[in-house]
């Protein structure tokens, strides 16, 4: 699905505070899927490498740093490979069992809708960005149509029994929309007043609401 919107403004400080408050910025991101396990594996591999180098140094082996470096590289790649295998097998296991094992709000692979946003810098230049929204097309269409009718962008409005989202799903979507500056806090002084669409967010929601 592709949609064109207005320029994306930088996230407001208030919005950044809210994102940090809910702690959901990492969901459905490369950080959660690959970079964090890689960093953990590198730290573990480095510690093992230092240990191997120390043992070889005590044994008076020539060039102990080579053995330490080799051990660090081997264990880093090995641990990262195991972590990635667990990540991918977990989503398959969730699908088989019909259970949300990692508590990300979804069973199996989380649904993602990719939105294309064209930023107009001036009359002659523009750029395109892609935003991945963690929701199904049906959920986003329901949200967009409601927001265009004046509904509030609030968890109480959209999450719960007989509503489009669970609380976890709505919070994940809201965190991404804050990060991508599609919504912002209604008041810079008090984040509890709720959220409103930015110009870019309204353009995207209008397109989603009109989509058949």
N, C-alpha and C. Protein backbone atom coordinates (compact mmCIF):
# COMPACT_ATOMS: atom_id res chain seq x y z
N UNK A 1 0.84 -1.19 0.00
CA UNK A 1 0.00 0.00 0.00
C UNK A 1 0.88 1.24 0.00
N UNK A 2 0.54 2.18 -0.83
CA UNK A 2 1.34 3.39 -0.92
C UNK A 2 0.46 4.61 -0.77
N UNK A 3 0.92 5.53 0.05
CA UNK A 3 0.15 6.75 0.28
C UNK A 3 1.11 7.94 0.29
N UNK A 4 0.62 9.05 -0.19
CA UNK A 4 1.42 10.27 -0.22
C UNK A 4 0.91 11.24 0.84
N UNK A 5 1.86 11.86 1.52
CA UNK A 5 1.49 12.80 2.56
C UNK A 5 2.30 14.07 2.48
N UNK A 6 2.14 14.89 3.48
CA UNK A 6 2.86 16.15 3.56
C UNK A 6 4.21 15.91 4.22
N UNK A 7 5.09 16.96 4.25
CA UNK A 7 6.41 16.79 4.86
C UNK A 7 6.32 16.34 6.30
N UNK A 8 7.25 15.48 6.70
CA UNK A 8 7.29 15.00 8.07
C UNK A 8 8.10 15.96 8.94
N UNK A 9 7.49 16.60 9.95
CA UNK A 9 8.24 17.46 10.86
C UNK A 9 9.04 16.61 11.83
N UNK A 10 10.09 17.17 12.45
CA UNK A 10 10.83 16.41 13.45
C UNK A 10 9.97 16.18 14.67
N UNK A 11 10.19 15.04 15.41
CA UNK A 11 9.39 14.77 16.59
C UNK A 11 9.51 15.88 17.61
N UNK A 12 8.38 16.28 18.18
CA UNK A 12 8.37 17.32 19.21
C UNK A 12 8.95 16.75 20.49
N UNK A 13 9.56 17.58 21.35
CA UNK A 13 10.11 17.09 22.60
C UNK A 13 9.09 16.36 23.44
N UNK A 14 7.85 16.87 23.48
CA UNK A 14 6.82 16.22 24.26
C UNK A 14 6.55 14.83 23.75
N UNK A 15 6.52 14.70 22.42
CA UNK A 15 6.27 13.39 21.84
C UNK A 15 7.39 12.43 22.17
N UNK A 16 8.61 12.91 22.18
CA UNK A 16 9.74 12.05 22.51
C UNK A 16 9.64 11.58 23.95
N UNK A 17 9.15 12.47 24.86
CA UNK A 17 8.99 12.08 26.25
C UNK A 17 7.97 10.98 26.39
N UNK A 18 6.88 11.08 25.63
CA UNK A 18 5.83 10.07 25.71
C UNK A 18 6.34 8.75 25.19
N UNK A 19 7.11 8.77 24.09
CA UNK A 19 7.66 7.56 23.53
C UNK A 19 8.53 6.85 24.56
N UNK A 20 9.35 7.61 25.26
CA UNK A 20 10.20 7.03 26.28
C UNK A 20 9.38 6.49 27.44
N UNK A 21 8.26 7.17 27.75
CA UNK A 21 7.41 6.76 28.86
C UNK A 21 6.83 5.37 28.64
N UNK A 22 6.36 5.11 27.43
CA UNK A 22 5.74 3.82 27.16
C UNK A 22 6.77 2.75 26.82
N UNK A 23 7.99 3.14 26.44
CA UNK A 23 9.05 2.18 26.20
C UNK A 23 8.77 1.21 25.07
N UNK A 24 8.08 1.68 24.03
CA UNK A 24 7.70 0.78 22.95
C UNK A 24 8.39 1.11 21.64
N UNK A 25 9.37 1.96 21.71
CA UNK A 25 10.02 2.42 20.48
C UNK A 25 10.73 1.29 19.74
N UNK A 26 11.10 0.23 20.50
CA UNK A 26 11.90 -0.83 19.89
C UNK A 26 11.06 -1.87 19.16
N UNK A 27 9.73 -1.89 19.37
CA UNK A 27 8.93 -2.95 18.78
C UNK A 27 8.95 -2.91 17.27
N UNK A 28 9.02 -4.10 16.67
CA UNK A 28 8.97 -4.26 15.23
C UNK A 28 10.10 -3.51 14.53
N UNK A 29 11.24 -3.42 15.18
CA UNK A 29 12.36 -2.67 14.62
C UNK A 29 13.55 -3.58 14.42
N UNK A 30 14.51 -3.09 13.64
CA UNK A 30 15.76 -3.82 13.44
C UNK A 30 16.52 -3.96 14.75
N UNK A 31 16.36 -3.01 15.66
CA UNK A 31 17.05 -3.08 16.95
C UNK A 31 16.64 -4.31 17.72
N UNK A 32 15.32 -4.55 17.81
CA UNK A 32 14.82 -5.69 18.57
C UNK A 32 15.17 -7.00 17.88
N UNK A 33 15.12 -7.01 16.55
CA UNK A 33 15.28 -8.27 15.82
C UNK A 33 16.73 -8.69 15.67
N UNK A 34 17.66 -7.74 15.47
CA UNK A 34 19.02 -8.12 15.11
C UNK A 34 20.11 -7.38 15.88
N UNK A 35 19.99 -6.06 16.02
CA UNK A 35 21.09 -5.28 16.58
C UNK A 35 21.32 -5.56 18.06
N UNK A 36 20.25 -5.68 18.84
CA UNK A 36 20.42 -5.96 20.26
C UNK A 36 21.04 -7.34 20.50
N UNK A 37 20.54 -8.41 19.84
CA UNK A 37 21.23 -9.70 19.99
C UNK A 37 22.68 -9.66 19.53
N UNK A 38 22.98 -8.88 18.47
CA UNK A 38 24.35 -8.78 17.99
C UNK A 38 25.24 -8.11 19.04
N UNK A 39 24.73 -7.04 19.67
CA UNK A 39 25.51 -6.36 20.70
C UNK A 39 25.76 -7.29 21.89
N UNK A 40 24.73 -8.02 22.30
CA UNK A 40 24.90 -8.96 23.42
C UNK A 40 25.90 -10.06 23.07
N UNK A 41 25.81 -10.55 21.84
CA UNK A 41 26.73 -11.60 21.41
C UNK A 41 28.16 -11.09 21.35
N UNK A 42 28.34 -9.84 20.89
CA UNK A 42 29.68 -9.26 20.80
C UNK A 42 30.30 -9.09 22.19
N UNK A 43 29.49 -8.68 23.16
CA UNK A 43 30.01 -8.53 24.53
C UNK A 43 30.42 -9.89 25.09
N UNK A 44 29.56 -10.89 24.90
CA UNK A 44 29.88 -12.24 25.39
C UNK A 44 31.11 -12.80 24.70
N UNK A 45 31.14 -12.64 23.36
CA UNK A 45 32.29 -13.12 22.61
C UNK A 45 33.57 -12.42 23.01
N UNK A 46 33.50 -11.12 23.27
CA UNK A 46 34.67 -10.37 23.71
C UNK A 46 35.20 -10.85 25.05
N UNK A 47 34.30 -11.13 25.99
CA UNK A 47 34.73 -11.62 27.30
C UNK A 47 35.38 -12.99 27.17
N UNK A 48 34.80 -13.85 26.34
CA UNK A 48 35.41 -15.17 26.14
C UNK A 48 36.78 -15.03 25.47
N UNK A 49 36.87 -14.12 24.49
CA UNK A 49 38.14 -13.89 23.83
C UNK A 49 39.22 -13.43 24.79
N UNK A 50 38.85 -12.53 25.71
CA UNK A 50 39.82 -12.08 26.71
C UNK A 50 40.27 -13.22 27.60
N UNK A 51 39.31 -14.08 27.95
CA UNK A 51 39.66 -15.23 28.79
C UNK A 51 40.61 -16.18 28.08
N UNK A 52 40.35 -16.44 26.80
CA UNK A 52 41.23 -17.33 26.02
C UNK A 52 42.61 -16.72 25.88
N UNK A 53 42.65 -15.40 25.61
CA UNK A 53 43.93 -14.73 25.47
C UNK A 53 44.73 -14.81 26.77
N UNK A 54 44.04 -14.65 27.91
CA UNK A 54 44.71 -14.74 29.19
C UNK A 54 45.29 -16.11 29.46
N UNK A 55 44.52 -17.14 29.12
CA UNK A 55 45.01 -18.51 29.31
C UNK A 55 46.23 -18.80 28.44
N UNK A 56 46.16 -18.35 27.18
CA UNK A 56 47.29 -18.58 26.27
C UNK A 56 48.51 -17.78 26.71
N UNK A 57 48.28 -16.61 27.28
CA UNK A 57 49.41 -15.80 27.77
C UNK A 57 50.08 -16.48 28.95
N UNK A 58 49.27 -17.04 29.86
CA UNK A 58 49.82 -17.75 31.01
C UNK A 58 50.57 -19.00 30.58
N UNK A 59 50.09 -19.61 29.49
CA UNK A 59 50.76 -20.81 28.98
C UNK A 59 51.97 -20.46 28.11
N UNK A 60 52.24 -19.16 27.98
CA UNK A 60 53.38 -18.66 27.22
C UNK A 60 53.33 -19.10 25.76
N UNK A 61 52.10 -19.08 25.22
CA UNK A 61 51.92 -19.39 23.80
C UNK A 61 52.25 -18.15 22.99
N UNK A 62 52.88 -18.34 21.83
CA UNK A 62 53.27 -17.22 20.98
C UNK A 62 52.01 -16.54 20.42
N UNK A 63 52.00 -15.20 20.45
CA UNK A 63 50.88 -14.39 19.95
C UNK A 63 49.53 -14.83 20.54
N UNK A 64 49.35 -14.70 21.86
CA UNK A 64 48.08 -15.12 22.48
C UNK A 64 46.89 -14.28 22.01
N UNK A 65 47.17 -13.05 21.54
CA UNK A 65 46.07 -12.19 21.11
C UNK A 65 45.36 -12.75 19.89
N UNK A 66 46.09 -13.51 19.05
CA UNK A 66 45.45 -14.10 17.87
C UNK A 66 44.40 -15.13 18.28
N UNK A 67 44.75 -15.94 19.27
CA UNK A 67 43.79 -16.94 19.76
C UNK A 67 42.59 -16.27 20.40
N UNK A 68 42.85 -15.19 21.15
CA UNK A 68 41.75 -14.47 21.78
C UNK A 68 40.83 -13.83 20.76
N UNK A 69 41.42 -13.23 19.73
CA UNK A 69 40.62 -12.59 18.69
C UNK A 69 39.79 -13.62 17.93
N UNK A 70 40.41 -14.76 17.61
CA UNK A 70 39.68 -15.81 16.90
C UNK A 70 38.52 -16.33 17.73
N UNK A 71 38.77 -16.53 19.02
CA UNK A 71 37.70 -17.01 19.91
C UNK A 71 36.57 -15.99 20.00
N UNK A 72 36.91 -14.70 20.08
CA UNK A 72 35.89 -13.66 20.18
C UNK A 72 35.02 -13.64 18.93
N UNK A 73 35.65 -13.71 17.76
CA UNK A 73 34.89 -13.69 16.51
C UNK A 73 34.00 -14.92 16.38
N UNK A 74 34.56 -16.10 16.68
CA UNK A 74 33.79 -17.34 16.54
C UNK A 74 32.59 -17.35 17.48
N UNK A 75 32.81 -16.99 18.74
CA UNK A 75 31.71 -17.03 19.70
C UNK A 75 30.68 -15.93 19.42
N UNK A 76 31.12 -14.76 18.95
CA UNK A 76 30.16 -13.70 18.62
C UNK A 76 29.23 -14.14 17.50
N UNK A 77 29.81 -14.68 16.44
CA UNK A 77 28.99 -15.15 15.31
C UNK A 77 28.10 -16.30 15.75
N UNK A 78 28.65 -17.21 16.56
CA UNK A 78 27.86 -18.36 17.01
C UNK A 78 26.69 -17.96 17.87
N UNK A 79 26.92 -17.10 18.87
CA UNK A 79 25.84 -16.68 19.75
C UNK A 79 24.79 -15.87 18.99
N UNK A 80 25.23 -15.02 18.06
CA UNK A 80 24.27 -14.22 17.29
C UNK A 80 23.42 -15.12 16.39
N UNK A 81 24.07 -16.13 15.79
CA UNK A 81 23.31 -17.07 14.97
C UNK A 81 22.26 -17.81 15.77
N UNK A 82 22.61 -18.21 16.98
CA UNK A 82 21.65 -18.89 17.85
C UNK A 82 20.48 -17.96 18.21
N UNK A 83 20.82 -16.70 18.53
CA UNK A 83 19.78 -15.73 18.89
C UNK A 83 18.82 -15.50 17.74
N UNK A 84 19.35 -15.36 16.52
CA UNK A 84 18.50 -15.13 15.36
C UNK A 84 17.63 -16.35 15.07
N UNK A 85 18.21 -17.55 15.25
CA UNK A 85 17.44 -18.77 15.02
C UNK A 85 16.29 -18.86 16.02
N UNK A 86 16.55 -18.48 17.26
CA UNK A 86 15.49 -18.50 18.27
C UNK A 86 14.41 -17.48 17.93
N UNK A 87 14.82 -16.31 17.43
CA UNK A 87 13.86 -15.26 17.08
C UNK A 87 12.90 -15.75 15.99
N UNK A 88 13.46 -16.32 14.93
CA UNK A 88 12.62 -16.76 13.81
C UNK A 88 11.80 -18.00 14.17
N UNK A 89 12.40 -18.92 14.94
CA UNK A 89 11.65 -20.12 15.31
C UNK A 89 10.53 -19.80 16.28
N UNK A 90 10.69 -18.73 17.08
CA UNK A 90 9.66 -18.34 18.03
C UNK A 90 8.39 -17.92 17.31
N UNK A 91 8.52 -17.14 16.24
CA UNK A 91 7.33 -16.72 15.51
C UNK A 91 6.63 -17.91 14.86
N UNK A 92 7.42 -18.89 14.39
CA UNK A 92 6.82 -20.09 13.81
C UNK A 92 6.11 -20.91 14.89
N UNK A 93 6.73 -21.00 16.07
CA UNK A 93 6.12 -21.74 17.17
C UNK A 93 4.83 -21.07 17.62
N UNK A 94 4.83 -19.73 17.64
CA UNK A 94 3.61 -19.01 17.99
C UNK A 94 2.47 -19.34 17.03
N UNK A 95 2.78 -19.38 15.74
CA UNK A 95 1.77 -19.69 14.74
C UNK A 95 1.22 -21.10 14.95
N UNK A 96 2.10 -22.04 15.26
CA UNK A 96 1.70 -23.43 15.44
C UNK A 96 0.83 -23.60 16.68
N UNK A 97 1.23 -22.94 17.80
CA UNK A 97 0.50 -23.07 19.06
C UNK A 97 -0.68 -22.13 19.16
N UNK A 98 -0.67 -21.05 18.34
CA UNK A 98 -1.73 -20.05 18.45
C UNK A 98 -1.61 -19.23 19.71
N UNK A 99 -0.36 -19.01 20.17
CA UNK A 99 -0.12 -18.29 21.42
C UNK A 99 0.89 -17.16 21.19
N UNK A 100 0.75 -16.08 21.94
CA UNK A 100 1.68 -14.95 21.87
C UNK A 100 2.78 -15.18 22.91
N UNK A 101 3.83 -15.91 22.52
CA UNK A 101 4.86 -16.31 23.48
C UNK A 101 5.77 -15.17 23.90
N UNK A 102 6.10 -14.27 22.98
CA UNK A 102 7.01 -13.16 23.32
C UNK A 102 6.27 -11.90 23.75
N UNK A 103 4.93 -12.01 23.85
CA UNK A 103 4.09 -10.92 24.37
C UNK A 103 4.28 -9.61 23.62
N UNK A 104 4.35 -9.73 22.29
CA UNK A 104 4.42 -8.51 21.48
C UNK A 104 3.06 -8.09 20.96
N UNK A 105 2.02 -8.81 21.40
CA UNK A 105 0.67 -8.45 20.99
C UNK A 105 0.18 -9.19 19.76
N UNK A 106 1.02 -10.06 19.17
CA UNK A 106 0.65 -10.76 17.95
C UNK A 106 1.05 -12.22 18.05
N UNK A 107 0.31 -13.06 17.35
CA UNK A 107 0.64 -14.47 17.25
C UNK A 107 1.35 -14.70 15.93
N UNK A 108 2.61 -15.13 15.98
CA UNK A 108 3.40 -15.27 14.77
C UNK A 108 4.00 -13.95 14.35
N UNK A 109 4.24 -13.80 13.05
CA UNK A 109 4.82 -12.57 12.53
C UNK A 109 3.83 -11.41 12.70
N UNK A 110 4.26 -10.29 13.29
CA UNK A 110 3.35 -9.16 13.44
C UNK A 110 3.01 -8.55 12.09
N UNK A 111 1.74 -8.18 11.88
CA UNK A 111 1.36 -7.56 10.61
C UNK A 111 1.96 -6.16 10.49
N UNK A 112 2.33 -5.80 9.29
CA UNK A 112 2.93 -4.49 9.04
C UNK A 112 2.38 -3.94 7.72
N UNK A 113 1.96 -2.70 7.73
CA UNK A 113 1.54 -2.02 6.51
C UNK A 113 2.57 -0.95 6.20
N UNK A 114 3.15 -1.02 5.01
CA UNK A 114 4.17 -0.04 4.61
C UNK A 114 3.50 1.13 3.91
N UNK A 115 3.76 2.33 4.41
CA UNK A 115 3.18 3.55 3.87
C UNK A 115 4.27 4.39 3.24
N UNK A 116 4.05 4.85 2.04
CA UNK A 116 5.00 5.71 1.35
C UNK A 116 4.58 7.16 1.51
N UNK A 117 5.49 7.98 2.03
CA UNK A 117 5.20 9.39 2.28
C UNK A 117 6.16 10.25 1.47
N UNK A 118 5.60 11.15 0.68
CA UNK A 118 6.40 12.06 -0.12
C UNK A 118 6.54 13.40 0.61
N UNK A 119 7.75 13.78 0.90
CA UNK A 119 8.04 15.05 1.57
C UNK A 119 8.33 16.11 0.52
N UNK A 120 7.58 17.17 0.53
CA UNK A 120 7.81 18.28 -0.40
C UNK A 120 8.63 19.35 0.30
N UNK A 121 9.87 19.51 -0.13
CA UNK A 121 10.75 20.50 0.48
C UNK A 121 10.47 21.89 -0.07
N UNK A 122 10.20 21.96 -1.36
CA UNK A 122 9.79 23.22 -1.99
C UNK A 122 9.05 22.83 -3.27
N UNK A 123 8.82 23.79 -4.15
CA UNK A 123 8.05 23.53 -5.36
C UNK A 123 8.77 22.62 -6.35
N UNK A 124 10.07 22.54 -6.24
CA UNK A 124 10.84 21.79 -7.23
C UNK A 124 11.47 20.51 -6.68
N UNK A 125 11.53 20.32 -5.38
CA UNK A 125 12.21 19.14 -4.84
C UNK A 125 11.33 18.43 -3.81
N UNK A 126 11.50 17.14 -3.76
CA UNK A 126 10.76 16.32 -2.80
C UNK A 126 11.55 15.04 -2.56
N UNK A 127 11.20 14.33 -1.51
CA UNK A 127 11.83 13.05 -1.20
C UNK A 127 10.78 12.10 -0.67
N UNK A 128 11.08 10.83 -0.76
CA UNK A 128 10.12 9.80 -0.36
C UNK A 128 10.68 8.99 0.80
N UNK A 129 9.82 8.74 1.77
CA UNK A 129 10.18 7.90 2.90
C UNK A 129 9.12 6.81 3.08
N UNK A 130 9.55 5.68 3.62
CA UNK A 130 8.63 4.59 3.89
C UNK A 130 8.50 4.41 5.40
N UNK A 131 7.27 4.28 5.84
CA UNK A 131 6.98 4.08 7.26
C UNK A 131 6.22 2.76 7.40
N UNK A 132 6.68 1.90 8.28
CA UNK A 132 6.01 0.63 8.53
C UNK A 132 5.15 0.76 9.79
N UNK A 133 3.85 0.62 9.62
CA UNK A 133 2.91 0.73 10.73
C UNK A 133 2.52 -0.67 11.19
N UNK A 134 2.73 -1.00 12.47
CA UNK A 134 2.45 -2.35 12.98
C UNK A 134 0.96 -2.58 13.21
N UNK A 135 0.24 -2.88 12.16
CA UNK A 135 -1.19 -3.14 12.24
C UNK A 135 -1.64 -3.75 10.92
N UNK A 136 -2.84 -4.29 10.89
CA UNK A 136 -3.39 -4.82 9.65
C UNK A 136 -4.03 -3.68 8.86
N UNK A 137 -4.30 -3.92 7.58
CA UNK A 137 -4.96 -2.91 6.76
C UNK A 137 -6.34 -2.60 7.31
N UNK A 138 -7.05 -3.62 7.80
CA UNK A 138 -8.39 -3.41 8.34
C UNK A 138 -8.35 -2.53 9.59
N UNK A 139 -7.37 -2.78 10.46
CA UNK A 139 -7.24 -1.98 11.67
C UNK A 139 -6.95 -0.52 11.34
N UNK A 140 -6.02 -0.31 10.40
CA UNK A 140 -5.65 1.07 10.05
C UNK A 140 -6.79 1.80 9.36
N UNK A 141 -7.55 1.09 8.54
CA UNK A 141 -8.67 1.73 7.87
C UNK A 141 -9.74 2.14 8.88
N UNK A 142 -10.02 1.26 9.85
CA UNK A 142 -10.99 1.59 10.89
C UNK A 142 -10.53 2.79 11.70
N UNK A 143 -9.24 2.80 12.06
CA UNK A 143 -8.68 3.92 12.81
C UNK A 143 -8.78 5.20 12.00
N UNK A 144 -8.38 5.15 10.74
CA UNK A 144 -8.38 6.34 9.90
C UNK A 144 -9.79 6.90 9.73
N UNK A 145 -10.75 6.05 9.47
CA UNK A 145 -12.13 6.52 9.28
C UNK A 145 -12.66 7.15 10.56
N UNK A 146 -12.31 6.55 11.71
CA UNK A 146 -12.75 7.12 12.98
C UNK A 146 -12.12 8.47 13.26
N UNK A 147 -10.81 8.58 13.01
CA UNK A 147 -10.13 9.85 13.25
C UNK A 147 -10.65 10.94 12.32
N UNK A 148 -10.98 10.58 11.09
CA UNK A 148 -11.52 11.57 10.16
C UNK A 148 -12.92 12.03 10.57
N UNK A 149 -13.60 11.20 11.35
CA UNK A 149 -14.93 11.60 11.86
C UNK A 149 -14.83 12.35 13.17
N UNK A 150 -13.61 12.53 13.67
CA UNK A 150 -13.43 13.30 14.88
C UNK A 150 -13.18 12.50 16.14
N UNK A 151 -13.01 11.18 16.01
CA UNK A 151 -12.74 10.36 17.19
C UNK A 151 -11.38 10.70 17.77
N UNK A 152 -11.21 10.46 19.06
CA UNK A 152 -9.95 10.77 19.73
C UNK A 152 -8.93 9.67 19.47
N UNK A 153 -7.68 10.07 19.41
CA UNK A 153 -6.57 9.12 19.27
C UNK A 153 -6.17 8.68 20.67
N UNK A 154 -7.00 7.81 21.26
CA UNK A 154 -6.76 7.38 22.64
C UNK A 154 -6.94 5.88 22.76
N UNK A 155 -6.26 5.30 23.73
CA UNK A 155 -6.35 3.87 23.96
C UNK A 155 -7.77 3.47 24.36
N UNK A 156 -8.42 4.30 25.16
CA UNK A 156 -9.79 4.00 25.58
C UNK A 156 -10.73 3.92 24.39
N UNK A 157 -10.49 4.75 23.39
CA UNK A 157 -11.36 4.79 22.21
C UNK A 157 -11.17 3.58 21.30
N UNK A 158 -9.92 3.08 21.21
CA UNK A 158 -9.61 2.12 20.16
C UNK A 158 -9.21 0.74 20.63
N UNK A 159 -8.93 0.57 21.91
CA UNK A 159 -8.43 -0.72 22.40
C UNK A 159 -9.39 -1.34 23.40
N UNK A 160 -9.57 -2.65 23.28
CA UNK A 160 -10.44 -3.35 24.22
C UNK A 160 -11.36 -4.32 23.52
N UNK A 161 -12.29 -4.86 24.27
CA UNK A 161 -13.25 -5.82 23.73
C UNK A 161 -14.12 -5.19 22.65
N UNK A 162 -14.26 -5.90 21.53
CA UNK A 162 -15.08 -5.47 20.40
C UNK A 162 -14.56 -4.17 19.76
N UNK A 163 -13.27 -3.91 19.93
CA UNK A 163 -12.64 -2.74 19.32
C UNK A 163 -11.51 -3.22 18.41
N UNK A 164 -11.04 -2.37 17.49
CA UNK A 164 -10.06 -2.83 16.49
C UNK A 164 -8.74 -3.33 17.06
N UNK A 165 -8.30 -2.79 18.20
CA UNK A 165 -6.97 -3.11 18.72
C UNK A 165 -7.05 -3.68 20.13
N UNK A 166 -6.04 -4.48 20.47
CA UNK A 166 -5.79 -4.78 21.87
C UNK A 166 -4.97 -3.62 22.43
N UNK A 167 -4.83 -3.57 23.74
CA UNK A 167 -4.04 -2.48 24.33
C UNK A 167 -2.59 -2.52 23.86
N UNK A 168 -2.03 -3.73 23.78
CA UNK A 168 -0.63 -3.87 23.33
C UNK A 168 -0.48 -3.43 21.89
N UNK A 169 -1.41 -3.82 21.03
CA UNK A 169 -1.35 -3.43 19.61
C UNK A 169 -1.46 -1.93 19.45
N UNK A 170 -2.38 -1.31 20.18
CA UNK A 170 -2.56 0.13 20.04
C UNK A 170 -1.35 0.89 20.54
N UNK A 171 -0.77 0.46 21.64
CA UNK A 171 0.40 1.15 22.18
C UNK A 171 1.59 1.04 21.23
N UNK A 172 1.73 -0.13 20.60
CA UNK A 172 2.82 -0.31 19.64
C UNK A 172 2.64 0.61 18.44
N UNK A 173 1.41 0.68 17.92
CA UNK A 173 1.13 1.57 16.78
C UNK A 173 1.33 3.02 17.17
N UNK A 174 0.84 3.39 18.34
CA UNK A 174 0.98 4.78 18.79
C UNK A 174 2.46 5.17 18.93
N UNK A 175 3.28 4.23 19.44
CA UNK A 175 4.71 4.54 19.59
C UNK A 175 5.37 4.80 18.25
N UNK A 176 5.02 4.01 17.23
CA UNK A 176 5.58 4.21 15.90
C UNK A 176 5.09 5.53 15.30
N UNK A 177 3.82 5.83 15.49
CA UNK A 177 3.27 7.08 14.94
C UNK A 177 3.88 8.31 15.60
N UNK A 178 4.20 8.19 16.89
CA UNK A 178 4.90 9.29 17.57
C UNK A 178 6.31 9.44 17.01
N UNK A 179 7.00 8.31 16.87
CA UNK A 179 8.37 8.34 16.37
C UNK A 179 8.45 8.93 14.97
N UNK A 180 7.48 8.59 14.12
CA UNK A 180 7.46 9.07 12.73
C UNK A 180 6.75 10.40 12.57
N UNK A 181 6.39 11.03 13.71
CA UNK A 181 5.77 12.35 13.69
C UNK A 181 4.45 12.37 12.92
N UNK A 182 3.69 11.28 13.03
CA UNK A 182 2.35 11.26 12.45
C UNK A 182 1.31 11.75 13.46
N UNK A 183 1.64 11.65 14.73
CA UNK A 183 0.82 12.23 15.79
C UNK A 183 1.74 12.95 16.76
N UNK A 184 1.16 13.85 17.53
CA UNK A 184 1.94 14.58 18.53
C UNK A 184 1.04 14.86 19.73
N UNK A 185 1.66 15.17 20.86
CA UNK A 185 0.88 15.48 22.06
C UNK A 185 0.02 16.71 21.81
N UNK A 186 -1.23 16.65 22.27
CA UNK A 186 -2.15 17.78 22.08
C UNK A 186 -1.65 19.03 22.80
N UNK A 187 -0.91 18.82 23.89
CA UNK A 187 -0.36 19.94 24.65
C UNK A 187 1.10 19.68 24.95
N UNK A 188 1.97 20.63 24.65
CA UNK A 188 3.39 20.47 24.94
C UNK A 188 3.67 20.51 26.43
N UNK A 189 2.73 21.06 27.21
CA UNK A 189 2.94 21.18 28.64
C UNK A 189 2.48 19.94 29.40
N UNK A 190 1.50 19.22 28.84
CA UNK A 190 0.94 18.07 29.54
C UNK A 190 0.65 16.96 28.54
N UNK A 191 1.45 15.89 28.56
CA UNK A 191 1.27 14.78 27.63
C UNK A 191 0.00 13.99 27.88
N UNK A 192 -0.60 14.15 29.05
CA UNK A 192 -1.80 13.38 29.38
C UNK A 192 -3.04 13.89 28.67
N UNK A 193 -2.95 14.99 27.97
CA UNK A 193 -4.11 15.54 27.28
C UNK A 193 -4.43 14.78 26.00
N UNK A 194 -3.58 13.82 25.61
CA UNK A 194 -3.85 13.01 24.43
C UNK A 194 -3.03 13.42 23.24
N UNK A 195 -3.42 12.92 22.06
CA UNK A 195 -2.64 13.12 20.85
C UNK A 195 -3.52 13.61 19.71
N UNK A 196 -2.90 14.33 18.80
CA UNK A 196 -3.59 14.82 17.60
C UNK A 196 -2.72 14.51 16.40
N UNK A 197 -3.35 14.45 15.23
CA UNK A 197 -2.62 14.18 14.00
C UNK A 197 -1.79 15.39 13.58
N UNK A 198 -0.59 15.13 13.10
CA UNK A 198 0.18 16.19 12.45
C UNK A 198 -0.32 16.33 11.01
N UNK A 199 0.21 17.27 10.27
CA UNK A 199 -0.19 17.43 8.87
C UNK A 199 0.11 16.16 8.08
N UNK A 200 1.30 15.59 8.33
CA UNK A 200 1.66 14.36 7.64
C UNK A 200 0.74 13.22 8.04
N UNK A 201 0.44 13.14 9.33
CA UNK A 201 -0.44 12.09 9.82
C UNK A 201 -1.84 12.21 9.25
N UNK A 202 -2.36 13.43 9.17
CA UNK A 202 -3.70 13.62 8.60
C UNK A 202 -3.74 13.23 7.13
N UNK A 203 -2.70 13.56 6.39
CA UNK A 203 -2.66 13.19 4.98
C UNK A 203 -2.67 11.67 4.82
N UNK A 204 -1.90 10.97 5.66
CA UNK A 204 -1.87 9.52 5.60
C UNK A 204 -3.22 8.93 5.99
N UNK A 205 -3.83 9.44 7.04
CA UNK A 205 -5.12 8.92 7.49
C UNK A 205 -6.22 9.17 6.45
N UNK A 206 -6.16 10.31 5.79
CA UNK A 206 -7.15 10.59 4.75
C UNK A 206 -7.05 9.57 3.63
N UNK A 207 -5.85 9.22 3.24
CA UNK A 207 -5.64 8.23 2.19
C UNK A 207 -6.13 6.85 2.66
N UNK A 208 -5.83 6.50 3.90
CA UNK A 208 -6.24 5.21 4.43
C UNK A 208 -7.76 5.11 4.54
N UNK A 209 -8.37 6.21 4.97
CA UNK A 209 -9.82 6.21 5.13
C UNK A 209 -10.54 6.04 3.79
N UNK A 210 -9.93 6.58 2.73
CA UNK A 210 -10.55 6.52 1.40
C UNK A 210 -10.23 5.22 0.68
N UNK A 211 -9.28 4.44 1.22
CA UNK A 211 -8.86 3.21 0.56
C UNK A 211 -9.98 2.16 0.63
N UNK A 212 -10.21 1.45 -0.48
CA UNK A 212 -11.24 0.40 -0.52
C UNK A 212 -10.59 -0.97 -0.56
